[in-house]
Amino acid sequence: MLDSGSEDYERQILEIVGGLGRDIGVKVHPKRILWLGRTVPAPSFMTGIGSDQCDFDGGDVILPKPLKDKLSPVEWKPLLASQLLYERRSALTIVARWLASVLILFVWGFVALFLAASYSDYGLALALSLVIPITILATWFFSHELRSVRLKADEKAAFIVGPGDFLNVLEKVDSFHIKDIERRKKGGFRIKTSSHFPAIDVRIRRIRSLIRAS
C-alpha cells in the first residue's frame, strides 16, 4: 500500500499526463501508475521499455522503477510528452515503415522463388542462404526508422515543455548511469539491430541542436 507521500507523487504525475493530453489533443484517461522494475537495453514492441522511457496502456501510465523518486513529478513531463506525441502522430508513419520492412521480405521471397524455379536445388540453397541477412536487414531498417520517429517526437515535445527543460531532464537521467541506459549508449549488434528506442546520448545531442538553432 502506498504511503501518503507516494500517493501525492503519483497523483501529480497523473495530473501532468491529463494536462498534456489536453494540450496535445490526445484522449488519455490516466487512472494509475505502474512501476516497471524490469527495464531492457534494447526496448521494442516485444521486449519492454528502457529506463529513459514511459508507456501508456489504457488508463495505466507505465514508468520505469529505476527513476521512481529520482525525478520530481514535473521532471517526468518531457518524457511523458514525447511518448504521447509518438503514439498520437506516428501511427501512420510506423505503419508505413513496417510495410517497407515487409516489402523487403516480400521482394526476397519473390527472388527466392525465381532462383528455385530457375536453378533448382542450387537456386533454393542460395535463396535459403540469404534468409538470415535479409531478415537482419529488414529488422534493422524497421528499428532504425522507429528510432527516427521517436527523435521527431522528442523534438515536438521540446517545443511544448521547453528544450532547456527537456535537456536538463535527459542529462539528469543520464547522470544516474542506469545499467540498461548505459548498455544502449554502448550499442552493439543486437541493440543497433533490434532496439526501437534511441540511446539517451543521441536524444541529448538532438535537443542540444534544437537549442543551438533557436
N, C-alpha and C. Protein backbone atom coordinates (compact mmCIF):
# COMPACT_ATOMS: atom_id res chain seq x y z
N MET A 1 0.84 -1.20 0.00
CA MET A 1 0.00 0.00 0.00
C MET A 1 0.87 1.25 0.00
N LEU A 2 0.51 2.24 -0.81
CA LEU A 2 1.31 3.45 -0.92
C LEU A 2 1.15 4.31 0.32
N ASP A 3 2.26 4.96 0.77
CA ASP A 3 2.12 5.95 1.81
C ASP A 3 1.63 7.25 1.19
N SER A 4 1.31 8.23 2.05
CA SER A 4 0.72 9.47 1.55
C SER A 4 1.67 10.21 0.61
N GLY A 5 3.00 10.12 0.88
CA GLY A 5 3.96 10.78 0.01
C GLY A 5 3.97 10.18 -1.38
N SER A 6 3.93 8.85 -1.45
CA SER A 6 3.91 8.18 -2.75
C SER A 6 2.60 8.46 -3.49
N GLU A 7 1.50 8.49 -2.76
CA GLU A 7 0.21 8.78 -3.37
C GLU A 7 0.20 10.17 -3.98
N ASP A 8 0.76 11.14 -3.27
CA ASP A 8 0.80 12.51 -3.78
C ASP A 8 1.72 12.62 -4.99
N TYR A 9 2.85 11.92 -4.94
CA TYR A 9 3.82 11.90 -6.05
C TYR A 9 3.15 11.36 -7.31
N GLU A 10 2.46 10.25 -7.18
CA GLU A 10 1.82 9.64 -8.34
C GLU A 10 0.61 10.47 -8.81
N ARG A 11 -0.11 11.05 -7.87
CA ARG A 11 -1.26 11.89 -8.24
C ARG A 11 -0.81 13.07 -9.10
N GLN A 12 0.31 13.68 -8.74
CA GLN A 12 0.81 14.82 -9.51
C GLN A 12 1.23 14.38 -10.92
N ILE A 13 1.83 13.21 -11.03
CA ILE A 13 2.22 12.71 -12.35
C ILE A 13 0.99 12.45 -13.21
N LEU A 14 -0.04 11.85 -12.62
CA LEU A 14 -1.27 11.59 -13.37
C LEU A 14 -1.92 12.89 -13.83
N GLU A 15 -1.87 13.92 -13.00
CA GLU A 15 -2.41 15.23 -13.39
C GLU A 15 -1.63 15.81 -14.56
N ILE A 16 -0.32 15.62 -14.56
CA ILE A 16 0.52 16.10 -15.66
C ILE A 16 0.16 15.38 -16.95
N VAL A 17 -0.06 14.07 -16.87
CA VAL A 17 -0.45 13.30 -18.05
C VAL A 17 -1.77 13.83 -18.60
N GLY A 18 -2.74 14.06 -17.72
CA GLY A 18 -4.03 14.57 -18.16
C GLY A 18 -3.91 15.93 -18.83
N GLY A 19 -3.09 16.82 -18.25
CA GLY A 19 -2.87 18.13 -18.84
C GLY A 19 -2.19 18.06 -20.19
N LEU A 20 -1.21 17.18 -20.31
CA LEU A 20 -0.52 17.01 -21.60
C LEU A 20 -1.49 16.48 -22.65
N GLY A 21 -2.33 15.55 -22.25
CA GLY A 21 -3.31 15.01 -23.19
C GLY A 21 -4.20 16.10 -23.76
N ARG A 22 -4.65 17.01 -22.89
CA ARG A 22 -5.48 18.11 -23.36
C ARG A 22 -4.70 19.05 -24.27
N ASP A 23 -3.45 19.35 -23.91
CA ASP A 23 -2.63 20.27 -24.71
C ASP A 23 -2.30 19.69 -26.08
N ILE A 24 -2.01 18.40 -26.12
CA ILE A 24 -1.59 17.75 -27.37
C ILE A 24 -2.79 17.33 -28.21
N GLY A 25 -3.91 17.09 -27.54
CA GLY A 25 -5.10 16.64 -28.26
C GLY A 25 -5.21 15.13 -28.30
N VAL A 26 -4.72 14.49 -27.24
CA VAL A 26 -4.78 13.03 -27.13
C VAL A 26 -5.82 12.66 -26.09
N LYS A 27 -6.68 11.71 -26.44
CA LYS A 27 -7.65 11.23 -25.46
C LYS A 27 -6.96 10.25 -24.52
N VAL A 28 -6.66 10.73 -23.35
CA VAL A 28 -5.98 9.89 -22.37
C VAL A 28 -6.69 10.07 -21.03
N HIS A 29 -6.92 8.95 -20.35
CA HIS A 29 -7.63 8.96 -19.07
C HIS A 29 -6.80 8.21 -18.04
N PRO A 30 -5.73 8.85 -17.56
CA PRO A 30 -4.82 8.15 -16.63
C PRO A 30 -5.49 7.86 -15.29
N LYS A 31 -5.39 6.62 -14.88
CA LYS A 31 -6.03 6.19 -13.64
C LYS A 31 -5.02 5.74 -12.58
N ARG A 32 -3.94 5.11 -13.03
CA ARG A 32 -2.95 4.64 -12.06
C ARG A 32 -1.59 4.55 -12.72
N ILE A 33 -0.57 4.49 -11.88
CA ILE A 33 0.81 4.36 -12.36
C ILE A 33 1.31 2.96 -12.02
N LEU A 34 1.92 2.31 -13.00
CA LEU A 34 2.56 1.03 -12.79
C LEU A 34 4.07 1.24 -12.91
N TRP A 35 4.79 0.84 -11.89
CA TRP A 35 6.25 0.98 -11.91
C TRP A 35 6.86 -0.32 -12.41
N LEU A 36 7.48 -0.25 -13.57
CA LEU A 36 8.05 -1.46 -14.19
C LEU A 36 9.48 -1.65 -13.70
N GLY A 37 9.70 -2.74 -13.00
CA GLY A 37 11.01 -2.99 -12.43
C GLY A 37 12.03 -3.52 -13.41
N ARG A 38 11.54 -4.26 -14.42
CA ARG A 38 12.46 -4.87 -15.38
C ARG A 38 12.55 -4.01 -16.63
N THR A 39 13.65 -3.28 -16.76
CA THR A 39 13.88 -2.46 -17.95
C THR A 39 14.94 -3.14 -18.81
N VAL A 40 14.93 -2.82 -20.10
CA VAL A 40 15.79 -3.54 -21.05
C VAL A 40 16.63 -2.57 -21.86
N PRO A 41 17.83 -3.01 -22.30
CA PRO A 41 18.70 -2.13 -23.08
C PRO A 41 18.26 -1.97 -24.53
N ALA A 42 17.46 -2.91 -25.04
CA ALA A 42 17.00 -2.83 -26.43
C ALA A 42 15.48 -2.87 -26.47
N PRO A 43 14.82 -1.80 -26.00
CA PRO A 43 13.35 -1.82 -25.93
C PRO A 43 12.70 -1.89 -27.31
N SER A 44 11.62 -2.65 -27.40
CA SER A 44 10.87 -2.77 -28.65
C SER A 44 9.43 -3.13 -28.28
N PHE A 45 8.61 -3.38 -29.32
CA PHE A 45 7.23 -3.76 -29.06
C PHE A 45 7.13 -5.02 -28.21
N MET A 46 8.13 -5.89 -28.32
CA MET A 46 8.04 -7.22 -27.71
C MET A 46 8.82 -7.32 -26.40
N THR A 47 9.80 -6.45 -26.17
CA THR A 47 10.73 -6.68 -25.07
C THR A 47 10.57 -5.74 -23.89
N GLY A 48 9.70 -4.74 -23.95
CA GLY A 48 9.52 -3.86 -22.81
C GLY A 48 10.06 -2.47 -23.04
N ILE A 49 10.33 -1.75 -21.94
CA ILE A 49 10.77 -0.36 -22.04
C ILE A 49 12.13 -0.19 -21.40
N GLY A 50 12.78 0.94 -21.74
CA GLY A 50 14.04 1.30 -21.13
C GLY A 50 13.81 2.26 -19.98
N SER A 51 14.85 2.55 -19.22
CA SER A 51 14.72 3.39 -18.03
C SER A 51 14.59 4.87 -18.35
N ASP A 52 14.76 5.26 -19.60
CA ASP A 52 14.52 6.65 -20.00
C ASP A 52 13.24 6.75 -20.84
N GLN A 53 12.33 5.84 -20.61
CA GLN A 53 11.15 5.71 -21.46
C GLN A 53 9.92 5.51 -20.58
N CYS A 54 8.75 5.83 -21.12
CA CYS A 54 7.49 5.52 -20.45
C CYS A 54 6.52 4.97 -21.48
N ASP A 55 5.36 4.53 -21.03
CA ASP A 55 4.40 3.95 -21.96
C ASP A 55 3.00 4.13 -21.37
N PHE A 56 1.99 3.93 -22.22
CA PHE A 56 0.60 4.04 -21.80
C PHE A 56 -0.15 2.81 -22.26
N ASP A 57 -1.00 2.30 -21.38
CA ASP A 57 -1.82 1.14 -21.71
C ASP A 57 -3.19 1.33 -21.08
N GLY A 58 -4.13 1.84 -21.88
CA GLY A 58 -5.44 2.17 -21.33
C GLY A 58 -5.31 3.28 -20.31
N GLY A 59 -5.78 3.02 -19.11
CA GLY A 59 -5.66 4.01 -18.04
C GLY A 59 -4.39 3.89 -17.24
N ASP A 60 -3.51 2.96 -17.62
CA ASP A 60 -2.25 2.76 -16.90
C ASP A 60 -1.13 3.61 -17.51
N VAL A 61 -0.42 4.29 -16.63
CA VAL A 61 0.79 5.01 -17.03
C VAL A 61 1.96 4.16 -16.55
N ILE A 62 2.74 3.64 -17.49
CA ILE A 62 3.83 2.71 -17.15
C ILE A 62 5.15 3.48 -17.12
N LEU A 63 5.78 3.46 -15.95
CA LEU A 63 7.02 4.21 -15.75
C LEU A 63 8.12 3.27 -15.25
N PRO A 64 9.37 3.59 -15.58
CA PRO A 64 10.49 2.74 -15.14
C PRO A 64 10.79 2.93 -13.65
N LYS A 65 10.82 1.85 -12.92
CA LYS A 65 11.04 1.92 -11.48
C LYS A 65 12.40 2.52 -11.09
N PRO A 66 13.46 2.32 -11.93
CA PRO A 66 14.75 2.92 -11.56
C PRO A 66 14.71 4.45 -11.41
N LEU A 67 13.70 5.11 -11.99
CA LEU A 67 13.61 6.56 -11.88
C LEU A 67 12.59 7.01 -10.83
N LYS A 68 11.96 6.06 -10.15
CA LYS A 68 10.97 6.43 -9.14
C LYS A 68 11.62 7.25 -8.03
N ASP A 69 11.04 8.40 -7.74
CA ASP A 69 11.51 9.34 -6.72
C ASP A 69 12.83 10.02 -7.08
N LYS A 70 13.43 9.67 -8.21
CA LYS A 70 14.65 10.36 -8.65
C LYS A 70 14.33 11.57 -9.51
N LEU A 71 13.15 11.55 -10.13
CA LEU A 71 12.64 12.70 -10.85
C LEU A 71 11.46 13.27 -10.09
N SER A 72 11.37 14.58 -10.05
CA SER A 72 10.19 15.21 -9.47
C SER A 72 9.02 15.00 -10.43
N PRO A 73 7.78 15.14 -9.97
CA PRO A 73 6.65 14.96 -10.89
C PRO A 73 6.76 15.80 -12.15
N VAL A 74 7.16 17.06 -12.03
CA VAL A 74 7.23 17.92 -13.21
C VAL A 74 8.36 17.49 -14.15
N GLU A 75 9.40 16.84 -13.60
CA GLU A 75 10.50 16.40 -14.45
C GLU A 75 10.11 15.20 -15.32
N TRP A 76 9.01 14.54 -14.99
CA TRP A 76 8.51 13.47 -15.86
C TRP A 76 7.87 14.03 -17.13
N LYS A 77 7.53 15.31 -17.12
CA LYS A 77 6.73 15.89 -18.20
C LYS A 77 7.35 15.72 -19.59
N PRO A 78 8.66 16.00 -19.79
CA PRO A 78 9.23 15.82 -21.14
C PRO A 78 9.13 14.38 -21.64
N LEU A 79 9.40 13.40 -20.79
CA LEU A 79 9.35 12.00 -21.20
C LEU A 79 7.92 11.59 -21.53
N LEU A 80 6.98 12.05 -20.72
CA LEU A 80 5.57 11.74 -20.95
C LEU A 80 5.07 12.39 -22.23
N ALA A 81 5.46 13.65 -22.46
CA ALA A 81 5.02 14.36 -23.66
C ALA A 81 5.54 13.69 -24.92
N SER A 82 6.80 13.27 -24.89
CA SER A 82 7.38 12.62 -26.06
C SER A 82 6.64 11.34 -26.40
N GLN A 83 6.32 10.54 -25.38
CA GLN A 83 5.61 9.29 -25.64
C GLN A 83 4.20 9.53 -26.15
N LEU A 84 3.51 10.52 -25.60
CA LEU A 84 2.16 10.83 -26.08
C LEU A 84 2.19 11.28 -27.54
N LEU A 85 3.16 12.11 -27.88
CA LEU A 85 3.29 12.57 -29.27
C LEU A 85 3.64 11.42 -30.20
N TYR A 86 4.50 10.54 -29.73
CA TYR A 86 4.87 9.37 -30.52
C TYR A 86 3.64 8.53 -30.83
N GLU A 87 2.81 8.31 -29.82
CA GLU A 87 1.63 7.47 -30.02
C GLU A 87 0.56 8.18 -30.85
N ARG A 88 0.45 9.50 -30.74
CA ARG A 88 -0.61 10.22 -31.45
C ARG A 88 -0.27 10.47 -32.91
N ARG A 89 0.92 10.96 -33.17
CA ARG A 89 1.24 11.46 -34.50
C ARG A 89 2.05 10.50 -35.36
N SER A 90 2.40 9.36 -34.80
CA SER A 90 3.33 8.49 -35.52
C SER A 90 2.70 7.21 -36.03
N ALA A 91 1.40 7.00 -35.79
CA ALA A 91 0.79 5.72 -36.15
C ALA A 91 0.95 5.42 -37.64
N LEU A 92 0.58 6.38 -38.50
CA LEU A 92 0.69 6.15 -39.94
C LEU A 92 2.14 6.00 -40.38
N THR A 93 3.01 6.78 -39.74
CA THR A 93 4.44 6.69 -40.08
C THR A 93 4.99 5.32 -39.74
N ILE A 94 4.60 4.81 -38.57
CA ILE A 94 5.06 3.49 -38.15
C ILE A 94 4.56 2.42 -39.10
N VAL A 95 3.29 2.51 -39.47
CA VAL A 95 2.72 1.54 -40.40
C VAL A 95 3.46 1.57 -41.73
N ALA A 96 3.77 2.79 -42.21
CA ALA A 96 4.48 2.92 -43.49
C ALA A 96 5.85 2.27 -43.41
N ARG A 97 6.54 2.46 -42.31
CA ARG A 97 7.87 1.87 -42.16
C ARG A 97 7.78 0.35 -42.01
N TRP A 98 6.74 -0.11 -41.32
CA TRP A 98 6.54 -1.55 -41.20
C TRP A 98 6.27 -2.17 -42.56
N LEU A 99 5.45 -1.50 -43.37
CA LEU A 99 5.16 -2.00 -44.71
C LEU A 99 6.43 -2.05 -45.56
N ALA A 100 7.30 -1.04 -45.37
CA ALA A 100 8.56 -1.05 -46.12
C ALA A 100 9.41 -2.25 -45.74
N SER A 101 9.41 -2.57 -44.44
CA SER A 101 10.16 -3.76 -44.00
C SER A 101 9.56 -5.03 -44.58
N VAL A 102 8.24 -5.11 -44.58
CA VAL A 102 7.56 -6.27 -45.15
C VAL A 102 7.86 -6.37 -46.65
N LEU A 103 7.94 -5.21 -47.31
CA LEU A 103 8.24 -5.21 -48.74
C LEU A 103 9.61 -5.82 -49.02
N ILE A 104 10.57 -5.52 -48.14
CA ILE A 104 11.90 -6.11 -48.30
C ILE A 104 11.81 -7.63 -48.26
N LEU A 105 11.06 -8.14 -47.29
CA LEU A 105 10.90 -9.60 -47.17
C LEU A 105 10.12 -10.17 -48.35
N PHE A 106 9.14 -9.42 -48.83
CA PHE A 106 8.35 -9.88 -49.97
C PHE A 106 9.22 -9.99 -51.22
N VAL A 107 10.06 -8.97 -51.44
CA VAL A 107 10.96 -8.99 -52.59
C VAL A 107 11.91 -10.18 -52.48
N TRP A 108 12.42 -10.41 -51.25
CA TRP A 108 13.29 -11.57 -51.08
C TRP A 108 12.55 -12.85 -51.42
N GLY A 109 11.29 -12.97 -50.98
CA GLY A 109 10.51 -14.17 -51.29
C GLY A 109 10.34 -14.37 -52.78
N PHE A 110 10.12 -13.28 -53.50
CA PHE A 110 9.98 -13.37 -54.95
C PHE A 110 11.28 -13.83 -55.58
N VAL A 111 12.39 -13.25 -55.10
CA VAL A 111 13.70 -13.65 -55.63
C VAL A 111 13.97 -15.12 -55.32
N ALA A 112 13.58 -15.57 -54.12
CA ALA A 112 13.79 -16.97 -53.74
C ALA A 112 13.03 -17.90 -54.67
N LEU A 113 11.80 -17.57 -54.97
CA LEU A 113 11.00 -18.40 -55.88
C LEU A 113 11.61 -18.42 -57.28
N PHE A 114 12.10 -17.25 -57.70
CA PHE A 114 12.71 -17.18 -59.03
C PHE A 114 13.97 -18.04 -59.10
N LEU A 115 14.81 -17.95 -58.06
CA LEU A 115 16.04 -18.74 -58.05
C LEU A 115 15.73 -20.23 -58.00
N ALA A 116 14.75 -20.60 -57.17
CA ALA A 116 14.39 -22.01 -57.05
C ALA A 116 13.84 -22.55 -58.36
N ALA A 117 13.04 -21.73 -59.06
CA ALA A 117 12.46 -22.18 -60.33
C ALA A 117 13.51 -22.23 -61.43
N SER A 118 14.47 -21.31 -61.39
CA SER A 118 15.44 -21.22 -62.48
C SER A 118 16.64 -22.15 -62.29
N TYR A 119 17.04 -22.36 -61.02
CA TYR A 119 18.28 -23.10 -60.79
C TYR A 119 18.08 -24.32 -59.88
N SER A 120 16.85 -24.71 -59.70
CA SER A 120 16.52 -25.91 -58.95
C SER A 120 17.14 -25.89 -57.56
N ASP A 121 17.79 -26.98 -57.17
CA ASP A 121 18.32 -27.11 -55.81
C ASP A 121 19.37 -26.05 -55.49
N TYR A 122 20.20 -25.70 -56.50
CA TYR A 122 21.23 -24.69 -56.26
C TYR A 122 20.60 -23.33 -55.99
N GLY A 123 19.58 -23.02 -56.74
CA GLY A 123 18.88 -21.74 -56.53
C GLY A 123 18.19 -21.70 -55.18
N LEU A 124 17.58 -22.82 -54.78
CA LEU A 124 16.92 -22.86 -53.49
C LEU A 124 17.92 -22.72 -52.35
N ALA A 125 19.08 -23.37 -52.49
CA ALA A 125 20.13 -23.27 -51.47
C ALA A 125 20.62 -21.83 -51.34
N LEU A 126 20.78 -21.16 -52.50
CA LEU A 126 21.23 -19.76 -52.48
C LEU A 126 20.18 -18.88 -51.80
N ALA A 127 18.91 -19.12 -52.13
CA ALA A 127 17.83 -18.33 -51.53
C ALA A 127 17.81 -18.52 -50.01
N LEU A 128 17.94 -19.78 -49.57
CA LEU A 128 17.91 -20.04 -48.13
C LEU A 128 19.11 -19.42 -47.43
N SER A 129 20.24 -19.34 -48.11
CA SER A 129 21.42 -18.73 -47.50
C SER A 129 21.24 -17.23 -47.27
N LEU A 130 20.25 -16.65 -47.97
CA LEU A 130 20.00 -15.21 -47.81
C LEU A 130 18.95 -14.90 -46.76
N VAL A 131 18.34 -15.94 -46.19
CA VAL A 131 17.26 -15.72 -45.22
C VAL A 131 17.72 -14.87 -44.05
N ILE A 132 18.83 -15.27 -43.42
CA ILE A 132 19.29 -14.58 -42.22
C ILE A 132 19.71 -13.13 -42.52
N PRO A 133 20.59 -12.88 -43.50
CA PRO A 133 20.97 -11.48 -43.74
C PRO A 133 19.80 -10.59 -44.16
N ILE A 134 18.87 -11.12 -44.95
CA ILE A 134 17.72 -10.30 -45.36
C ILE A 134 16.83 -10.01 -44.17
N THR A 135 16.62 -10.99 -43.28
CA THR A 135 15.81 -10.77 -42.09
C THR A 135 16.46 -9.73 -41.18
N ILE A 136 17.78 -9.84 -41.02
CA ILE A 136 18.50 -8.85 -40.20
C ILE A 136 18.38 -7.45 -40.80
N LEU A 137 18.50 -7.36 -42.13
CA LEU A 137 18.38 -6.07 -42.80
C LEU A 137 17.00 -5.46 -42.59
N ALA A 138 15.95 -6.26 -42.74
CA ALA A 138 14.59 -5.76 -42.55
C ALA A 138 14.36 -5.33 -41.10
N THR A 139 14.88 -6.11 -40.15
CA THR A 139 14.73 -5.77 -38.74
C THR A 139 15.46 -4.47 -38.41
N TRP A 140 16.69 -4.34 -38.93
CA TRP A 140 17.46 -3.12 -38.69
C TRP A 140 16.76 -1.91 -39.30
N PHE A 141 16.25 -2.05 -40.51
CA PHE A 141 15.59 -0.94 -41.19
C PHE A 141 14.39 -0.46 -40.38
N PHE A 142 13.55 -1.39 -39.93
CA PHE A 142 12.36 -1.02 -39.17
C PHE A 142 12.75 -0.37 -37.85
N SER A 143 13.73 -0.94 -37.14
CA SER A 143 14.16 -0.39 -35.86
C SER A 143 14.77 1.00 -36.04
N HIS A 144 15.60 1.15 -37.07
CA HIS A 144 16.22 2.45 -37.34
C HIS A 144 15.16 3.51 -37.62
N GLU A 145 14.16 3.16 -38.40
CA GLU A 145 13.11 4.12 -38.72
C GLU A 145 12.29 4.49 -37.49
N LEU A 146 12.01 3.52 -36.62
CA LEU A 146 11.27 3.83 -35.40
C LEU A 146 12.07 4.72 -34.47
N ARG A 147 13.38 4.52 -34.42
CA ARG A 147 14.21 5.42 -33.61
C ARG A 147 14.14 6.84 -34.14
N SER A 148 14.08 6.99 -35.46
CA SER A 148 13.95 8.32 -36.06
C SER A 148 12.62 8.95 -35.71
N VAL A 149 11.55 8.14 -35.70
CA VAL A 149 10.23 8.66 -35.34
C VAL A 149 10.23 9.14 -33.89
N ARG A 150 10.88 8.41 -33.02
CA ARG A 150 10.92 8.81 -31.61
C ARG A 150 11.73 10.09 -31.42
N LEU A 151 12.79 10.26 -32.18
CA LEU A 151 13.56 11.50 -32.08
C LEU A 151 12.73 12.70 -32.55
N LYS A 152 11.90 12.48 -33.56
CA LYS A 152 10.98 13.54 -34.01
C LYS A 152 9.98 13.87 -32.90
N ALA A 153 9.52 12.85 -32.19
CA ALA A 153 8.60 13.09 -31.07
C ALA A 153 9.29 13.88 -29.97
N ASP A 154 10.57 13.59 -29.73
CA ASP A 154 11.34 14.37 -28.76
C ASP A 154 11.37 15.85 -29.16
N GLU A 155 11.61 16.10 -30.44
CA GLU A 155 11.68 17.49 -30.92
C GLU A 155 10.35 18.21 -30.68
N LYS A 156 9.25 17.55 -31.02
CA LYS A 156 7.94 18.17 -30.84
C LYS A 156 7.65 18.39 -29.35
N ALA A 157 8.04 17.43 -28.53
CA ALA A 157 7.83 17.58 -27.09
C ALA A 157 8.65 18.73 -26.53
N ALA A 158 9.85 18.93 -27.08
CA ALA A 158 10.71 20.02 -26.61
C ALA A 158 10.06 21.38 -26.82
N PHE A 159 9.32 21.52 -27.91
CA PHE A 159 8.63 22.79 -28.15
C PHE A 159 7.47 23.00 -27.19
N ILE A 160 6.95 21.92 -26.61
CA ILE A 160 5.84 22.02 -25.66
C ILE A 160 6.35 22.32 -24.25
N VAL A 161 7.36 21.58 -23.82
CA VAL A 161 7.84 21.73 -22.43
C VAL A 161 9.03 22.67 -22.33
N GLY A 162 9.61 23.02 -23.47
CA GLY A 162 10.80 23.85 -23.48
C GLY A 162 12.05 23.01 -23.67
N PRO A 163 12.86 23.31 -24.70
CA PRO A 163 14.05 22.48 -24.96
C PRO A 163 15.04 22.45 -23.81
N GLY A 164 15.17 23.57 -23.09
CA GLY A 164 16.09 23.60 -21.96
C GLY A 164 15.67 22.65 -20.86
N ASP A 165 14.37 22.66 -20.54
CA ASP A 165 13.86 21.75 -19.51
C ASP A 165 14.00 20.30 -19.94
N PHE A 166 13.73 20.03 -21.22
CA PHE A 166 13.86 18.67 -21.73
C PHE A 166 15.31 18.20 -21.62
N LEU A 167 16.23 19.07 -22.02
CA LEU A 167 17.65 18.72 -21.97
C LEU A 167 18.09 18.46 -20.53
N ASN A 168 17.64 19.29 -19.60
CA ASN A 168 18.02 19.11 -18.20
C ASN A 168 17.57 17.75 -17.67
N VAL A 169 16.36 17.33 -18.04
CA VAL A 169 15.85 16.04 -17.59
C VAL A 169 16.66 14.89 -18.18
N LEU A 170 16.93 14.96 -19.49
CA LEU A 170 17.71 13.89 -20.12
C LEU A 170 19.10 13.79 -19.51
N GLU A 171 19.73 14.93 -19.27
CA GLU A 171 21.07 14.91 -18.67
C GLU A 171 21.02 14.39 -17.23
N LYS A 172 19.96 14.71 -16.51
CA LYS A 172 19.82 14.19 -15.14
C LYS A 172 19.67 12.68 -15.15
N VAL A 173 18.81 12.17 -16.05
CA VAL A 173 18.63 10.72 -16.16
C VAL A 173 19.95 10.06 -16.54
N ASP A 174 20.68 10.66 -17.46
CA ASP A 174 21.95 10.11 -17.91
C ASP A 174 22.96 10.06 -16.76
N SER A 175 22.88 11.03 -15.85
CA SER A 175 23.85 11.10 -14.76
C SER A 175 23.69 9.97 -13.75
N PHE A 176 22.55 9.27 -13.78
CA PHE A 176 22.33 8.16 -12.84
C PHE A 176 23.08 6.89 -13.28
N HIS A 177 23.52 6.84 -14.53
CA HIS A 177 24.27 5.69 -15.06
C HIS A 177 23.52 4.37 -14.84
N ILE A 178 22.25 4.37 -15.19
CA ILE A 178 21.42 3.17 -15.05
C ILE A 178 21.87 2.13 -16.07
N LYS A 179 21.91 0.89 -15.65
CA LYS A 179 22.54 -0.17 -16.44
C LYS A 179 22.02 -0.29 -17.86
N ASP A 180 20.68 -0.36 -18.05
CA ASP A 180 20.18 -0.57 -19.41
C ASP A 180 20.41 0.65 -20.29
N ILE A 181 20.40 1.85 -19.71
CA ILE A 181 20.67 3.06 -20.48
C ILE A 181 22.12 3.08 -20.93
N GLU A 182 23.02 2.70 -20.03
CA GLU A 182 24.44 2.66 -20.38
C GLU A 182 24.72 1.63 -21.47
N ARG A 183 24.05 0.49 -21.40
CA ARG A 183 24.26 -0.54 -22.42
C ARG A 183 23.78 -0.07 -23.79
N ARG A 184 22.67 0.68 -23.80
CA ARG A 184 22.17 1.19 -25.09
C ARG A 184 23.11 2.25 -25.65
N LYS A 185 23.75 3.02 -24.79
CA LYS A 185 24.72 4.02 -25.25
C LYS A 185 25.93 3.34 -25.90
N LYS A 186 26.35 2.21 -25.32
CA LYS A 186 27.50 1.49 -25.88
C LYS A 186 27.15 0.84 -27.20
N GLY A 187 25.88 0.53 -27.41
CA GLY A 187 25.46 -0.07 -28.67
C GLY A 187 25.77 -1.54 -28.73
N GLY A 188 26.21 -1.97 -29.89
CA GLY A 188 26.41 -3.39 -30.12
C GLY A 188 25.45 -3.87 -31.19
N PHE A 189 25.76 -5.01 -31.75
CA PHE A 189 24.99 -5.50 -32.90
C PHE A 189 23.52 -5.69 -32.57
N ARG A 190 23.20 -6.39 -31.47
CA ARG A 190 21.80 -6.68 -31.15
C ARG A 190 21.02 -5.41 -30.87
N ILE A 191 21.63 -4.48 -30.12
CA ILE A 191 20.93 -3.24 -29.78
C ILE A 191 20.69 -2.40 -31.02
N LYS A 192 21.71 -2.26 -31.88
CA LYS A 192 21.55 -1.44 -33.09
C LYS A 192 20.56 -2.07 -34.06
N THR A 193 20.46 -3.39 -34.01
CA THR A 193 19.56 -4.07 -34.95
C THR A 193 18.12 -4.07 -34.47
N SER A 194 17.91 -4.27 -33.15
CA SER A 194 16.55 -4.53 -32.69
C SER A 194 15.93 -3.44 -31.83
N SER A 195 16.72 -2.53 -31.25
CA SER A 195 16.15 -1.52 -30.36
C SER A 195 15.31 -0.52 -31.13
N HIS A 196 14.07 -0.29 -30.67
CA HIS A 196 13.19 0.69 -31.28
C HIS A 196 13.33 2.06 -30.62
N PHE A 197 14.26 2.19 -29.69
CA PHE A 197 14.39 3.42 -28.92
C PHE A 197 15.82 3.94 -29.01
N PRO A 198 16.02 5.23 -29.30
CA PRO A 198 17.37 5.76 -29.43
C PRO A 198 18.11 5.82 -28.10
N ALA A 199 19.42 5.78 -28.15
CA ALA A 199 20.22 5.92 -26.94
C ALA A 199 20.07 7.33 -26.39
N ILE A 200 20.24 7.47 -25.08
CA ILE A 200 19.99 8.76 -24.45
C ILE A 200 20.99 9.82 -24.90
N ASP A 201 22.22 9.43 -25.23
CA ASP A 201 23.18 10.43 -25.72
C ASP A 201 22.77 10.97 -27.08
N VAL A 202 22.12 10.14 -27.89
CA VAL A 202 21.60 10.60 -29.18
C VAL A 202 20.45 11.59 -28.95
N ARG A 203 19.60 11.28 -27.99
CA ARG A 203 18.49 12.18 -27.66
C ARG A 203 19.02 13.52 -27.15
N ILE A 204 20.04 13.46 -26.32
CA ILE A 204 20.63 14.70 -25.78
C ILE A 204 21.20 15.55 -26.90
N ARG A 205 21.94 14.94 -27.82
CA ARG A 205 22.52 15.70 -28.93
C ARG A 205 21.43 16.34 -29.78
N ARG A 206 20.32 15.64 -29.98
CA ARG A 206 19.25 16.19 -30.80
C ARG A 206 18.63 17.43 -30.14
N ILE A 207 18.40 17.38 -28.85
CA ILE A 207 17.82 18.53 -28.16
C ILE A 207 18.82 19.68 -28.09
N ARG A 208 20.08 19.36 -27.89
CA ARG A 208 21.10 20.42 -27.90
C ARG A 208 21.13 21.13 -29.24
N SER A 209 20.96 20.38 -30.31
CA SER A 209 20.97 21.00 -31.66
C SER A 209 19.78 21.93 -31.81
N LEU A 210 18.66 21.59 -31.20
CA LEU A 210 17.49 22.48 -31.25
C LEU A 210 17.77 23.79 -30.52
N ILE A 211 18.46 23.68 -29.37
CA ILE A 211 18.77 24.87 -28.58
C ILE A 211 19.74 25.77 -29.35
N ARG A 212 20.75 25.16 -29.98
CA ARG A 212 21.71 25.95 -30.75
C ARG A 212 21.05 26.65 -31.94
N ALA A 213 20.05 25.97 -32.52
CA ALA A 213 19.39 26.52 -33.70
C ALA A 213 18.38 27.62 -33.36
N SER A 214 17.97 27.67 -32.09
CA SER A 214 16.93 28.64 -31.71
C SER A 214 17.53 30.02 -31.41
